[in-house]
């Protein structure tokens, strides 16, 4: 479907390699769109961005700080606020991005919704880490509040090892100097589940079989099916490690789908994923990550039976047309009244 809007769709992004499938699908359809690279981007408070774009699709990554682009993260907060104050339709706007940026806020949301999550403490100094672990089951992990693909997460098996790492300044707190000390959950059957939503509704889910040796679970970087078939890694960063992690399609229970849609609705996330696992010690299902930046699984047709990027572009183009119609409504009203 070609875009009916005379104003282009804007794709605002930081990591270009992850969005090759999205750009390819937009190009294939001849869609009217522009690419806004966050690293090079700037704006003025006087800019009338509502006249420039039909909508802006925010694809900023919280892991940008791992690519020396951490400045773009805080810059994006101001840019999204400017867009929304100008009345620009933004997919995954300011509320969603703030939720994406804070693991602590995600736990607060899960607590508010009455959903289970791994026990954790929020700290802002390394000297607090060992004390914060009191009352938690070991092992624990220390993870930066602003994360992304498991970056900076470290596991500790004892109070002494955690205290030693803290004293040696070996903990990673990330951009906002905040971290979580959280129970490490042994995943039943050695897998986690990632549930993706589009337009706030369930799209698909995958099981990701983990080794326990890495916290980097970015689905776009996973390169094999459970049958050992290498996937088309068109969405992967060119320097992504050959992780060997396996992935397969999975249909979660209805109550999980309802939980995930409720989480995303309260988080303001229209497209993204929620990850959960089952604690092998007691069988408790735990939600542990809320993502506004969904790269979709590599080689979707092979893994889940369809191309999620085609569904995504269908939706983006429909939203752009709707936003353009809404912005032109006052003009049509004036024309009908013979004023213009």
C-alpha atoms as a PDB file:
ATOM      1  CA  UNK A   1       0.000   0.000   0.000  1.00  0.00           C
ATOM      2  CA  UNK A   2       1.458   3.331  -1.014  1.00  0.00           C
ATOM      3  CA  UNK A   3       1.390   6.175   1.477  1.00  0.00           C
ATOM      4  CA  UNK A   4      -1.408   8.676   0.751  1.00  0.00           C
ATOM      5  CA  UNK A   5       0.296  11.380   2.781  1.00  0.00           C
ATOM      6  CA  UNK A   6       2.046  14.323   1.114  1.00  0.00           C
ATOM      7  CA  UNK A   7       4.204  14.630   4.232  1.00  0.00           C
ATOM      8  CA  UNK A   8       6.803  11.924   4.735  1.00  0.00           C
ATOM      9  CA  UNK A   9       6.973   9.399   7.531  1.00  0.00           C
ATOM     10  CA  UNK A  10      10.104  10.025   9.628  1.00  0.00           C
ATOM     11  CA  UNK A  11      12.094   7.070  10.979  1.00  0.00           C
ATOM     12  CA  UNK A  12      14.203   8.347  13.898  1.00  0.00           C
ATOM     13  CA  UNK A  13      16.979   5.862  14.713  1.00  0.00           C
ATOM     14  CA  UNK A  14      20.511   5.452  16.047  1.00  0.00           C
ATOM     15  CA  UNK A  15      21.652   1.931  15.064  1.00  0.00           C
ATOM     16  CA  UNK A  16      21.268   1.763  11.258  1.00  0.00           C
ATOM     17  CA  UNK A  17      21.971  -1.932  10.791  1.00  0.00           C
ATOM     18  CA  UNK A  18      19.015  -3.052  12.899  1.00  0.00           C
ATOM     19  CA  UNK A  19      16.541  -1.319  10.604  1.00  0.00           C
ATOM     20  CA  UNK A  20      17.680  -2.572   7.212  1.00  0.00           C
ATOM     21  CA  UNK A  21      14.576  -4.806   6.893  1.00  0.00           C
ATOM     22  CA  UNK A  22      12.306  -1.866   7.780  1.00  0.00           C
ATOM     23  CA  UNK A  23      13.994   0.447   5.269  1.00  0.00           C
ATOM     24  CA  UNK A  24      13.941  -2.316   2.635  1.00  0.00           C
ATOM     25  CA  UNK A  25      10.196  -2.835   3.065  1.00  0.00           C
ATOM     26  CA  UNK A  26       9.529   0.912   2.866  1.00  0.00           C
ATOM     27  CA  UNK A  27      11.725   1.160  -0.246  1.00  0.00           C
ATOM     28  CA  UNK A  28      10.021  -1.843  -1.852  1.00  0.00           C
ATOM     29  CA  UNK A  29       6.656  -0.097  -1.505  1.00  0.00           C
ATOM     30  CA  UNK A  30       7.943   3.269  -2.680  1.00  0.00           C
ATOM     31  CA  UNK A  31       6.812   4.784   0.608  1.00  0.00           C
ATOM     32  CA  UNK A  32       7.241   8.489   1.272  1.00  0.00           C
ATOM     33  CA  UNK A  33       9.664   8.496   4.200  1.00  0.00           C
ATOM     34  CA  UNK A  34      12.852  10.073   5.515  1.00  0.00           C
ATOM     35  CA  UNK A  35      15.584   8.709   7.760  1.00  0.00           C
ATOM     36  CA  UNK A  36      16.554  10.810  10.786  1.00  0.00           C
ATOM     37  CA  UNK A  37      19.880   9.693  12.234  1.00  0.00           C
ATOM     38  CA  UNK A  38      19.814  10.621  15.929  1.00  0.00           C
ATOM     39  CA  UNK A  39      23.597  10.946  16.090  1.00  0.00           C
ATOM     40  CA  UNK A  40      23.619  13.735  13.498  1.00  0.00           C
ATOM     41  CA  UNK A  41      20.230  15.214  14.323  1.00  0.00           C
ATOM     42  CA  UNK A  42      19.462  18.724  15.630  1.00  0.00           C
ATOM     43  CA  UNK A  43      16.369  20.923  15.851  1.00  0.00           C
ATOM     44  CA  UNK A  44      15.156  24.345  16.923  1.00  0.00           C
ATOM     45  CA  UNK A  45      12.298  25.104  19.280  1.00  0.00           C
ATOM     46  CA  UNK A  46      10.914  27.244  16.434  1.00  0.00           C
ATOM     47  CA  UNK A  47      10.711  24.301  14.036  1.00  0.00           C
ATOM     48  CA  UNK A  48       7.155  23.560  12.912  1.00  0.00           C
ATOM     49  CA  UNK A  49       7.705  19.834  12.675  1.00  0.00           C
ATOM     50  CA  UNK A  50       3.983  19.213  12.311  1.00  0.00           C
ATOM     51  CA  UNK A  51       4.350  20.698   8.819  1.00  0.00           C
ATOM     52  CA  UNK A  52       7.275  18.420   7.959  1.00  0.00           C
ATOM     53  CA  UNK A  53       6.227  14.907   8.957  1.00  0.00           C
ATOM     54  CA  UNK A  54       3.009  12.897   8.923  1.00  0.00           C
ATOM     55  CA  UNK A  55       4.373  10.978  11.894  1.00  0.00           C
ATOM     56  CA  UNK A  56       7.674  10.182  13.580  1.00  0.00           C
ATOM     57  CA  UNK A  57       8.536   6.570  14.411  1.00  0.00           C
ATOM     58  CA  UNK A  58      10.936   6.589  17.371  1.00  0.00           C
ATOM     59  CA  UNK A  59      13.544   3.802  17.063  1.00  0.00           C
ATOM     60  CA  UNK A  60      16.123   5.248  19.452  1.00  0.00           C
ATOM     61  CA  UNK A  61      18.081   2.565  21.301  1.00  0.00           C
ATOM     62  CA  UNK A  62      18.835   2.689  25.055  1.00  0.00           C
ATOM     63  CA  UNK A  63      22.026   0.745  24.312  1.00  0.00           C
ATOM     64  CA  UNK A  64      23.411   3.652  22.257  1.00  0.00           C
ATOM     65  CA  UNK A  65      25.841   4.333  25.096  1.00  0.00           C
ATOM     66  CA  UNK A  66      27.645   1.130  24.139  1.00  0.00           C
ATOM     67  CA  UNK A  67      28.380   2.672  20.745  1.00  0.00           C
ATOM     68  CA  UNK A  68      29.647   6.011  22.095  1.00  0.00           C
ATOM     69  CA  UNK A  69      26.254   7.593  21.341  1.00  0.00           C
ATOM     70  CA  UNK A  70      25.004   8.020  24.888  1.00  0.00           C
ATOM     71  CA  UNK A  71      24.529  11.748  24.345  1.00  0.00           C
ATOM     72  CA  UNK A  72      21.818  10.924  21.802  1.00  0.00           C
ATOM     73  CA  UNK A  73      19.711   9.224  24.488  1.00  0.00           C
ATOM     74  CA  UNK A  74      19.142  12.350  26.569  1.00  0.00           C
ATOM     75  CA  UNK A  75      18.927  14.496  23.441  1.00  0.00           C
ATOM     76  CA  UNK A  76      16.057  12.262  22.290  1.00  0.00           C
ATOM     77  CA  UNK A  77      14.036  13.021  25.434  1.00  0.00           C
ATOM     78  CA  UNK A  78      13.977  16.708  24.525  1.00  0.00           C
ATOM     79  CA  UNK A  79      13.267  16.023  20.870  1.00  0.00           C
ATOM     80  CA  UNK A  80      10.301  13.768  21.647  1.00  0.00           C
ATOM     81  CA  UNK A  81       8.869  16.363  24.015  1.00  0.00           C
ATOM     82  CA  UNK A  82       9.193  19.011  21.297  1.00  0.00           C
ATOM     83  CA  UNK A  83       7.469  16.777  18.733  1.00  0.00           C
ATOM     84  CA  UNK A  84       4.568  16.005  21.019  1.00  0.00           C
ATOM     85  CA  UNK A  85       4.103  19.618  22.093  1.00  0.00           C
ATOM     86  CA  UNK A  86       3.933  20.524  18.396  1.00  0.00           C
ATOM     87  CA  UNK A  87       1.163  17.968  17.946  1.00  0.00           C
ATOM     88  CA  UNK A  88       3.210  15.554  15.840  1.00  0.00           C
ATOM     89  CA  UNK A  89       2.028  11.942  15.905  1.00  0.00           C
ATOM     90  CA  UNK A  90       4.879   9.960  17.476  1.00  0.00           C
ATOM     91  CA  UNK A  91       4.935   6.166  17.630  1.00  0.00           C
ATOM     92  CA  UNK A  92       6.571   5.096  20.906  1.00  0.00           C
ATOM     93  CA  UNK A  93       6.770   8.670  22.132  1.00  0.00           C
ATOM     94  CA  UNK A  94       8.091  10.284  25.287  1.00  0.00           C
ATOM     95  CA  UNK A  95       6.239   8.094  27.802  1.00  0.00           C
ATOM     96  CA  UNK A  96       7.322   4.906  26.053  1.00  0.00           C
ATOM     97  CA  UNK A  97      10.930   6.023  25.748  1.00  0.00           C
ATOM     98  CA  UNK A  98      11.120   6.991  29.424  1.00  0.00           C
ATOM     99  CA  UNK A  99       9.870   3.523  30.346  1.00  0.00           C
ATOM    100  CA  UNK A 100      12.399   1.942  27.992  1.00  0.00           C
ATOM    101  CA  UNK A 101      15.189   3.894  29.684  1.00  0.00           C
ATOM    102  CA  UNK A 102      14.539   2.791  33.254  1.00  0.00           C
ATOM    103  CA  UNK A 103      14.650  -0.786  34.518  1.00  0.00           C
ATOM    104  CA  UNK A 104      13.632   0.632  37.905  1.00  0.00           C
ATOM    105  CA  UNK A 105      10.508   2.244  36.431  1.00  0.00           C
ATOM    106  CA  UNK A 106       9.642  -1.045  34.726  1.00  0.00           C
ATOM    107  CA  UNK A 107       9.636  -2.851  38.057  1.00  0.00           C
ATOM    108  CA  UNK A 108       7.506  -0.105  39.576  1.00  0.00           C
ATOM    109  CA  UNK A 109       4.983  -0.594  36.759  1.00  0.00           C
ATOM    110  CA  UNK A 110       4.929  -4.372  37.223  1.00  0.00           C
ATOM    111  CA  UNK A 111       4.397  -3.901  40.972  1.00  0.00           C
ATOM    112  CA  UNK A 112       1.572  -1.439  40.277  1.00  0.00           C
ATOM    113  CA  UNK A 113      -0.088  -3.927  37.913  1.00  0.00           C
ATOM    114  CA  UNK A 114       0.279  -6.779  40.415  1.00  0.00           C
ATOM    115  CA  UNK A 115       2.437  -8.844  38.054  1.00  0.00           C
ATOM    116  CA  UNK A 116       5.366 -11.005  39.252  1.00  0.00           C
ATOM    117  CA  UNK A 117       8.954  -9.945  38.609  1.00  0.00           C
ATOM    118  CA  UNK A 118      12.412 -10.834  39.980  1.00  0.00           C
ATOM    119  CA  UNK A 119      13.094  -9.232  43.357  1.00  0.00           C
ATOM    120  CA  UNK A 120      15.509  -6.330  43.109  1.00  0.00           C
ATOM    121  CA  UNK A 121      16.916  -3.267  44.841  1.00  0.00           C
ATOM    122  CA  UNK A 122      17.677   0.040  43.122  1.00  0.00           C
ATOM    123  CA  UNK A 123      21.002   1.668  44.024  1.00  0.00           C
ATOM    124  CA  UNK A 124      23.091   4.574  42.807  1.00  0.00           C
ATOM    125  CA  UNK A 125      26.514   3.880  44.359  1.00  0.00           C
ATOM    126  CA  UNK A 126      28.730   0.809  44.215  1.00  0.00           C
ATOM    127  CA  UNK A 127      29.148   0.938  47.994  1.00  0.00           C
ATOM    128  CA  UNK A 128      25.415   0.154  48.337  1.00  0.00           C
ATOM    129  CA  UNK A 129      25.516  -3.044  46.262  1.00  0.00           C
ATOM    130  CA  UNK A 130      26.413  -5.669  48.870  1.00  0.00           C
ATOM    131  CA  UNK A 131      24.043  -4.321  51.514  1.00  0.00           C
ATOM    132  CA  UNK A 132      21.283  -4.120  48.908  1.00  0.00           C
ATOM    133  CA  UNK A 133      21.621  -7.849  48.268  1.00  0.00           C
ATOM    134  CA  UNK A 134      20.437  -8.713  51.778  1.00  0.00           C
ATOM    135  CA  UNK A 135      17.149 -10.592  51.642  1.00  0.00           C
ATOM    136  CA  UNK A 136      17.634 -11.622  48.001  1.00  0.00           C
ATOM    137  CA  UNK A 137      18.260 -15.189  46.891  1.00  0.00           C
ATOM    138  CA  UNK A 138      21.701 -15.886  45.446  1.00  0.00           C
ATOM    139  CA  UNK A 139      23.073 -15.638  42.819  1.00  0.00           C
ATOM    140  CA  UNK A 140      22.267 -12.019  41.988  1.00  0.00           C
ATOM    141  CA  UNK A 141      22.991  -9.822  38.981  1.00  0.00           C
ATOM    142  CA  UNK A 142      23.903  -6.164  38.910  1.00  0.00           C
ATOM    143  CA  UNK A 143      22.477  -4.435  35.851  1.00  0.00           C
ATOM    144  CA  UNK A 144      22.593  -0.817  34.658  1.00  0.00           C
ATOM    145  CA  UNK A 145      19.276   1.033  34.960  1.00  0.00           C
ATOM    146  CA  UNK A 146      19.652   2.173  31.342  1.00  0.00           C
ATOM    147  CA  UNK A 147      20.334  -1.102  29.614  1.00  0.00           C
ATOM    148  CA  UNK A 148      19.938  -2.597  26.185  1.00  0.00           C
ATOM    149  CA  UNK A 149      20.513  -6.180  24.984  1.00  0.00           C
ATOM    150  CA  UNK A 150      21.916  -7.213  28.355  1.00  0.00           C
ATOM    151  CA  UNK A 151      24.809  -4.749  28.196  1.00  0.00           C
ATOM    152  CA  UNK A 152      26.756  -4.372  31.432  1.00  0.00           C
ATOM    153  CA  UNK A 153      24.908  -7.101  33.348  1.00  0.00           C
ATOM    154  CA  UNK A 154      27.139  -9.075  35.722  1.00  0.00           C
ATOM    155  CA  UNK A 155      26.360 -12.122  37.844  1.00  0.00           C
ATOM    156  CA  UNK A 156      27.633 -12.687  41.394  1.00  0.00           C
ATOM    157  CA  UNK A 157      27.386 -15.915  43.366  1.00  0.00           C
ATOM    158  CA  UNK A 158      28.243 -14.637  46.840  1.00  0.00           C
ATOM    159  CA  UNK A 159      28.124 -11.624  49.113  1.00  0.00           C
ATOM    160  CA  UNK A 160      31.928 -11.525  49.170  1.00  0.00           C
ATOM    161  CA  UNK A 161      32.344 -11.564  45.391  1.00  0.00           C
ATOM    162  CA  UNK A 162      29.839  -8.746  45.024  1.00  0.00           C
ATOM    163  CA  UNK A 163      31.516  -6.714  47.743  1.00  0.00           C
ATOM    164  CA  UNK A 164      34.927  -7.268  46.139  1.00  0.00           C
ATOM    165  CA  UNK A 165      33.684  -6.121  42.713  1.00  0.00           C
ATOM    166  CA  UNK A 166      32.140  -3.035  44.288  1.00  0.00           C
ATOM    167  CA  UNK A 167      35.343  -2.151  46.119  1.00  0.00           C
ATOM    168  CA  UNK A 168      37.331  -2.572  42.881  1.00  0.00           C
ATOM    169  CA  UNK A 169      34.888  -0.337  40.995  1.00  0.00           C
ATOM    170  CA  UNK A 170      34.073  -3.232  38.664  1.00  0.00           C
ATOM    171  CA  UNK A 171      30.284  -2.713  38.571  1.00  0.00           C
ATOM    172  CA  UNK A 172      28.606  -1.063  35.567  1.00  0.00           C
ATOM    173  CA  UNK A 173      26.005   1.544  36.486  1.00  0.00           C
ATOM    174  CA  UNK A 174      25.544   3.152  33.088  1.00  0.00           C
ATOM    175  CA  UNK A 175      24.607   6.647  32.045  1.00  0.00           C
ATOM    176  CA  UNK A 176      22.422   7.681  34.969  1.00  0.00           C
ATOM    177  CA  UNK A 177      24.662   6.176  37.674  1.00  0.00           C
ATOM    178  CA  UNK A 178      21.811   3.916  38.752  1.00  0.00           C
ATOM    179  CA  UNK A 179      21.743   0.122  38.874  1.00  0.00           C
ATOM    180  CA  UNK A 180      19.620  -2.801  40.019  1.00  0.00           C
ATOM    181  CA  UNK A 181      20.798  -5.579  42.315  1.00  0.00           C
ATOM    182  CA  UNK A 182      18.431  -8.325  41.236  1.00  0.00           C
ATOM    183  CA  UNK A 183      17.926 -12.031  41.864  1.00  0.00           C
ATOM    184  CA  UNK A 184      19.357 -14.190  39.078  1.00  0.00           C
ATOM    185  CA  UNK A 185      16.575 -16.463  37.883  1.00  0.00           C
ATOM    186  CA  UNK A 186      17.438 -20.003  36.719  1.00  0.00           C
ATOM    187  CA  UNK A 187      15.189 -20.403  33.694  1.00  0.00           C
ATOM    188  CA  UNK A 188      13.126 -23.589  33.560  1.00  0.00           C
ATOM    189  CA  UNK A 189      13.995 -25.640  30.459  1.00  0.00           C
ATOM    190  CA  UNK A 190      16.761 -23.096  29.749  1.00  0.00           C
ATOM    191  CA  UNK A 191      14.656 -20.664  27.769  1.00  0.00           C
ATOM    192  CA  UNK A 192      12.965 -17.301  28.031  1.00  0.00           C
ATOM    193  CA  UNK A 193       9.962 -16.071  26.037  1.00  0.00           C
ATOM    194  CA  UNK A 194       9.765 -12.766  24.210  1.00  0.00           C
ATOM    195  CA  UNK A 195       6.263 -11.553  23.311  1.00  0.00           C
ATOM    196  CA  UNK A 196       5.967  -8.857  20.641  1.00  0.00           C
ATOM    197  CA  UNK A 197       3.100  -6.409  20.242  1.00  0.00           C
ATOM    198  CA  UNK A 198       2.158  -4.168  17.326  1.00  0.00           C
ATOM    199  CA  UNK A 199      -0.356  -1.361  17.815  1.00  0.00           C
ATOM    200  CA  UNK A 200      -0.468  -2.523  21.428  1.00  0.00           C
ATOM    201  CA  UNK A 201      -1.781  -5.964  20.451  1.00  0.00           C
ATOM    202  CA  UNK A 202      -0.153  -9.397  20.379  1.00  0.00           C
ATOM    203  CA  UNK A 203       1.806 -10.046  17.184  1.00  0.00           C
ATOM    204  CA  UNK A 204       3.895 -13.166  17.900  1.00  0.00           C
ATOM    205  CA  UNK A 205       6.151 -14.770  20.497  1.00  0.00           C
ATOM    206  CA  UNK A 206       9.386 -16.727  20.415  1.00  0.00           C
ATOM    207  CA  UNK A 207      11.242 -18.987  22.792  1.00  0.00           C
ATOM    208  CA  UNK A 208      14.884 -18.058  23.115  1.00  0.00           C
ATOM    209  CA  UNK A 209      17.025 -20.964  24.300  1.00  0.00           C
ATOM    210  CA  UNK A 210      19.781 -19.606  26.504  1.00  0.00           C
ATOM    211  CA  UNK A 211      23.115 -20.934  27.617  1.00  0.00           C
ATOM    212  CA  UNK A 212      23.387 -19.044  30.889  1.00  0.00           C
ATOM    213  CA  UNK A 213      26.706 -17.682  29.679  1.00  0.00           C
ATOM    214  CA  UNK A 214      25.412 -14.466  28.162  1.00  0.00           C
ATOM    215  CA  UNK A 215      22.811 -11.832  28.953  1.00  0.00           C
ATOM    216  CA  UNK A 216      22.787 -10.540  25.377  1.00  0.00           C
ATOM    217  CA  UNK A 217      19.446 -11.813  24.108  1.00  0.00           C
ATOM    218  CA  UNK A 218      18.747  -9.365  21.310  1.00  0.00           C
ATOM    219  CA  UNK A 219      16.430 -11.392  19.019  1.00  0.00           C
ATOM    220  CA  UNK A 220      17.867  -9.760  15.913  1.00  0.00           C
ATOM    221  CA  UNK A 221      21.263 -11.159  16.831  1.00  0.00           C
ATOM    222  CA  UNK A 222      20.073 -14.723  17.307  1.00  0.00           C
ATOM    223  CA  UNK A 223      21.232 -16.760  14.389  1.00  0.00           C
ATOM    224  CA  UNK A 224      19.833 -20.312  14.477  1.00  0.00           C
ATOM    225  CA  UNK A 225      16.521 -22.128  14.637  1.00  0.00           C
ATOM    226  CA  UNK A 226      16.101 -25.049  17.035  1.00  0.00           C
ATOM    227  CA  UNK A 227      16.913 -27.283  14.056  1.00  0.00           C
ATOM    228  CA  UNK A 228      20.300 -25.641  13.747  1.00  0.00           C
ATOM    229  CA  UNK A 229      19.477 -23.750  10.546  1.00  0.00           C
ATOM    230  CA  UNK A 230      21.329 -20.439  10.193  1.00  0.00           C
ATOM    231  CA  UNK A 231      18.964 -17.489   9.849  1.00  0.00           C
ATOM    232  CA  UNK A 232      19.074 -14.534   7.528  1.00  0.00           C
ATOM    233  CA  UNK A 233      20.769 -11.976   9.817  1.00  0.00           C
ATOM    234  CA  UNK A 234      19.827  -8.968   7.719  1.00  0.00           C
ATOM    235  CA  UNK A 235      18.719  -7.077  10.833  1.00  0.00           C
ATOM    236  CA  UNK A 236      21.917  -7.703  12.762  1.00  0.00           C
ATOM    237  CA  UNK A 237      24.716  -5.303  13.410  1.00  0.00           C
ATOM    238  CA  UNK A 238      27.587  -6.242  11.153  1.00  0.00           C
ATOM    239  CA  UNK A 239      29.757  -6.832  14.192  1.00  0.00           C
ATOM    240  CA  UNK A 240      27.186  -8.904  16.088  1.00  0.00           C
ATOM    241  CA  UNK A 241      28.777 -11.973  17.677  1.00  0.00           C
ATOM    242  CA  UNK A 242      27.914 -15.423  16.389  1.00  0.00           C
ATOM    243  CA  UNK A 243      26.104 -16.285  19.596  1.00  0.00           C
ATOM    244  CA  UNK A 244      24.780 -19.699  18.578  1.00  0.00           C
ATOM    245  CA  UNK A 245      21.613 -19.062  20.612  1.00  0.00           C
ATOM    246  CA  UNK A 246      18.584 -20.931  19.245  1.00  0.00           C
ATOM    247  CA  UNK A 247      15.080 -19.565  18.777  1.00  0.00           C
ATOM    248  CA  UNK A 248      11.658 -20.970  17.844  1.00  0.00           C
ATOM    249  CA  UNK A 249       8.069 -19.768  17.445  1.00  0.00           C
ATOM    250  CA  UNK A 250       5.849 -20.157  20.482  1.00  0.00           C
ATOM    251  CA  UNK A 251       2.253 -19.352  21.414  1.00  0.00           C
ATOM    252  CA  UNK A 252       2.049 -18.211  25.036  1.00  0.00           C
ATOM    253  CA  UNK A 253      -0.953 -18.813  27.299  1.00  0.00           C
ATOM    254  CA  UNK A 254      -3.876 -16.414  26.893  1.00  0.00           C
ATOM    255  CA  UNK A 255      -3.263 -14.870  30.319  1.00  0.00           C
ATOM    256  CA  UNK A 256       0.297 -14.004  29.297  1.00  0.00           C
ATOM    257  CA  UNK A 257      -0.901 -12.269  26.151  1.00  0.00           C
ATOM    258  CA  UNK A 258      -3.404 -10.309  28.254  1.00  0.00           C
ATOM    259  CA  UNK A 259      -0.680  -9.403  30.758  1.00  0.00           C
ATOM    260  CA  UNK A 260       1.694  -8.227  28.027  1.00  0.00           C
ATOM    261  CA  UNK A 261      -0.941  -6.086  26.311  1.00  0.00           C
ATOM    262  CA  UNK A 262      -1.821  -4.525  29.671  1.00  0.00           C
ATOM    263  CA  UNK A 263       1.842  -3.815  30.436  1.00  0.00           C
ATOM    264  CA  UNK A 264       2.350  -2.137  27.078  1.00  0.00           C
ATOM    265  CA  UNK A 265      -0.845  -0.105  27.376  1.00  0.00           C
ATOM    266  CA  UNK A 266       0.234   1.320  30.741  1.00  0.00           C
ATOM    267  CA  UNK A 267       3.794   1.858  29.477  1.00  0.00           C
ATOM    268  CA  UNK A 268       2.587   3.820  26.455  1.00  0.00           C
ATOM    269  CA  UNK A 269       4.391   1.388  24.136  1.00  0.00           C
ATOM    270  CA  UNK A 270       2.651   0.718  20.826  1.00  0.00           C
ATOM    271  CA  UNK A 271       5.288  -1.574  19.366  1.00  0.00           C
ATOM    272  CA  UNK A 272       7.766  -3.557  21.423  1.00  0.00           C
ATOM    273  CA  UNK A 273       8.332  -6.722  23.395  1.00  0.00           C
ATOM    274  CA  UNK A 274       8.049  -8.101  26.914  1.00  0.00           C
ATOM    275  CA  UNK A 275      10.259 -10.925  28.112  1.00  0.00           C
ATOM    276  CA  UNK A 276       9.439 -13.463  30.784  1.00  0.00           C
ATOM    277  CA  UNK A 277      10.745 -16.740  32.127  1.00  0.00           C
ATOM    278  CA  UNK A 278       9.699 -19.430  34.569  1.00  0.00           C
ATOM    279  CA  UNK A 279      11.754 -19.707  37.756  1.00  0.00           C
ATOM    280  CA  UNK A 280      12.997 -23.309  37.848  1.00  0.00           C
ATOM    281  CA  UNK A 281      13.070 -23.243  41.650  1.00  0.00           C
ATOM    282  CA  UNK A 282       9.366 -22.720  42.230  1.00  0.00           C
ATOM    283  CA  UNK A 283       7.619 -22.565  38.821  1.00  0.00           C
ATOM    284  CA  UNK A 284       6.761 -18.874  39.170  1.00  0.00           C
ATOM    285  CA  UNK A 285       6.380 -16.955  35.913  1.00  0.00           C
ATOM    286  CA  UNK A 286       8.359 -13.687  36.108  1.00  0.00           C
ATOM    287  CA  UNK A 287       8.233 -10.701  33.773  1.00  0.00           C
ATOM    288  CA  UNK A 288      11.629  -9.060  33.712  1.00  0.00           C
ATOM    289  CA  UNK A 289      12.089  -6.780  30.698  1.00  0.00           C
ATOM    290  CA  UNK A 290       9.918  -4.251  28.852  1.00  0.00           C
ATOM    291  CA  UNK A 291      11.253  -3.168  25.462  1.00  0.00           C
ATOM    292  CA  UNK A 292      10.018  -0.316  23.303  1.00  0.00           C
ATOM    293  CA  UNK A 293      12.673  -1.025  20.699  1.00  0.00           C
ATOM    294  CA  UNK A 294      11.722  -4.238  18.946  1.00  0.00           C
ATOM    295  CA  UNK A 295      14.053  -5.352  16.191  1.00  0.00           C
ATOM    296  CA  UNK A 296      11.913  -8.410  15.491  1.00  0.00           C
ATOM    297  CA  UNK A 297      13.368 -11.873  15.213  1.00  0.00           C
ATOM    298  CA  UNK A 298      15.879 -12.464  12.419  1.00  0.00           C
ATOM    299  CA  UNK A 299      14.411 -14.225   9.364  1.00  0.00           C
ATOM    300  CA  UNK A 300      10.777 -13.964  10.507  1.00  0.00           C
ATOM    301  CA  UNK A 301       9.250 -16.034   7.646  1.00  0.00           C
ATOM    302  CA  UNK A 302      11.393 -19.029   8.597  1.00  0.00           C
ATOM    303  CA  UNK A 303      10.876 -18.760  12.362  1.00  0.00           C
ATOM    304  CA  UNK A 304       7.313 -17.476  12.849  1.00  0.00           C
ATOM    305  CA  UNK A 305       5.798 -18.024   9.410  1.00  0.00           C
ATOM    306  CA  UNK A 306       5.438 -14.414   8.301  1.00  0.00           C
ATOM    307  CA  UNK A 307       7.416 -11.220   7.831  1.00  0.00           C
ATOM    308  CA  UNK A 308       6.701  -8.939  10.811  1.00  0.00           C
ATOM    309  CA  UNK A 309       8.238  -5.991   8.968  1.00  0.00           C
ATOM    310  CA  UNK A 310       5.459  -6.194   6.363  1.00  0.00           C
ATOM    311  CA  UNK A 311       2.892  -6.018   9.179  1.00  0.00           C
ATOM    312  CA  UNK A 312       4.797  -3.135  10.725  1.00  0.00           C
ATOM    313  CA  UNK A 313       4.868  -1.088   7.519  1.00  0.00           C
ATOM    314  CA  UNK A 314       1.164  -1.781   6.882  1.00  0.00           C
ATOM    315  CA  UNK A 315       0.443  -0.258  10.268  1.00  0.00           C
ATOM    316  CA  UNK A 316       2.851   2.693   9.954  1.00  0.00           C
ATOM    317  CA  UNK A 317       1.378   3.711   6.614  1.00  0.00           C
ATOM    318  CA  UNK A 318      -2.171   3.469   7.962  1.00  0.00           C
ATOM    319  CA  UNK A 319      -1.215   5.591  10.985  1.00  0.00           C
ATOM    320  CA  UNK A 320       0.479   8.167   8.731  1.00  0.00           C
ATOM    321  CA  UNK A 321      -2.603   8.458   6.537  1.00  0.00           C
ATOM    322  CA  UNK A 322      -4.819   8.830   9.588  1.00  0.00           C
ATOM    323  CA  UNK A 323      -2.539  11.481  11.101  1.00  0.00           C
ATOM    324  CA  UNK A 324      -2.453  13.416   7.822  1.00  0.00           C
ATOM    325  CA  UNK A 325      -6.243  13.271   7.490  1.00  0.00           C
ATOM    326  CA  UNK A 326      -6.593  14.614  11.019  1.00  0.00           C
ATOM    327  CA  UNK A 327      -4.154  17.476  10.345  1.00  0.00           C
ATOM    328  CA  UNK A 328      -6.010  18.427   7.146  1.00  0.00           C
ATOM    329  CA  UNK A 329      -9.461  18.387   8.763  1.00  0.00           C
ATOM    330  CA  UNK A 330      -9.385  22.070   9.831  1.00  0.00           C
ATOM    331  CA  UNK A 331      -8.356  23.090   6.292  1.00  0.00           C
ATOM    332  CA  UNK A 332     -11.226  21.110   4.795  1.00  0.00           C
ATOM    333  CA  UNK A 333     -13.612  22.745   7.226  1.00  0.00           C
ATOM    334  CA  UNK A 334     -12.445  26.209   6.193  1.00  0.00           C
ATOM    335  CA  UNK A 335     -12.716  25.268   2.507  1.00  0.00           C
ATOM    336  CA  UNK A 336     -16.282  24.032   2.976  1.00  0.00           C
ATOM    337  CA  UNK A 337     -17.134  27.319   4.660  1.00  0.00           C
ATOM    338  CA  UNK A 338     -15.596  29.272   1.746  1.00  0.00           C
ATOM    339  CA  UNK A 339     -12.953  30.870   3.934  1.00  0.00           C
ATOM    340  CA  UNK A 340      -9.988  29.511   1.934  1.00  0.00           C
END
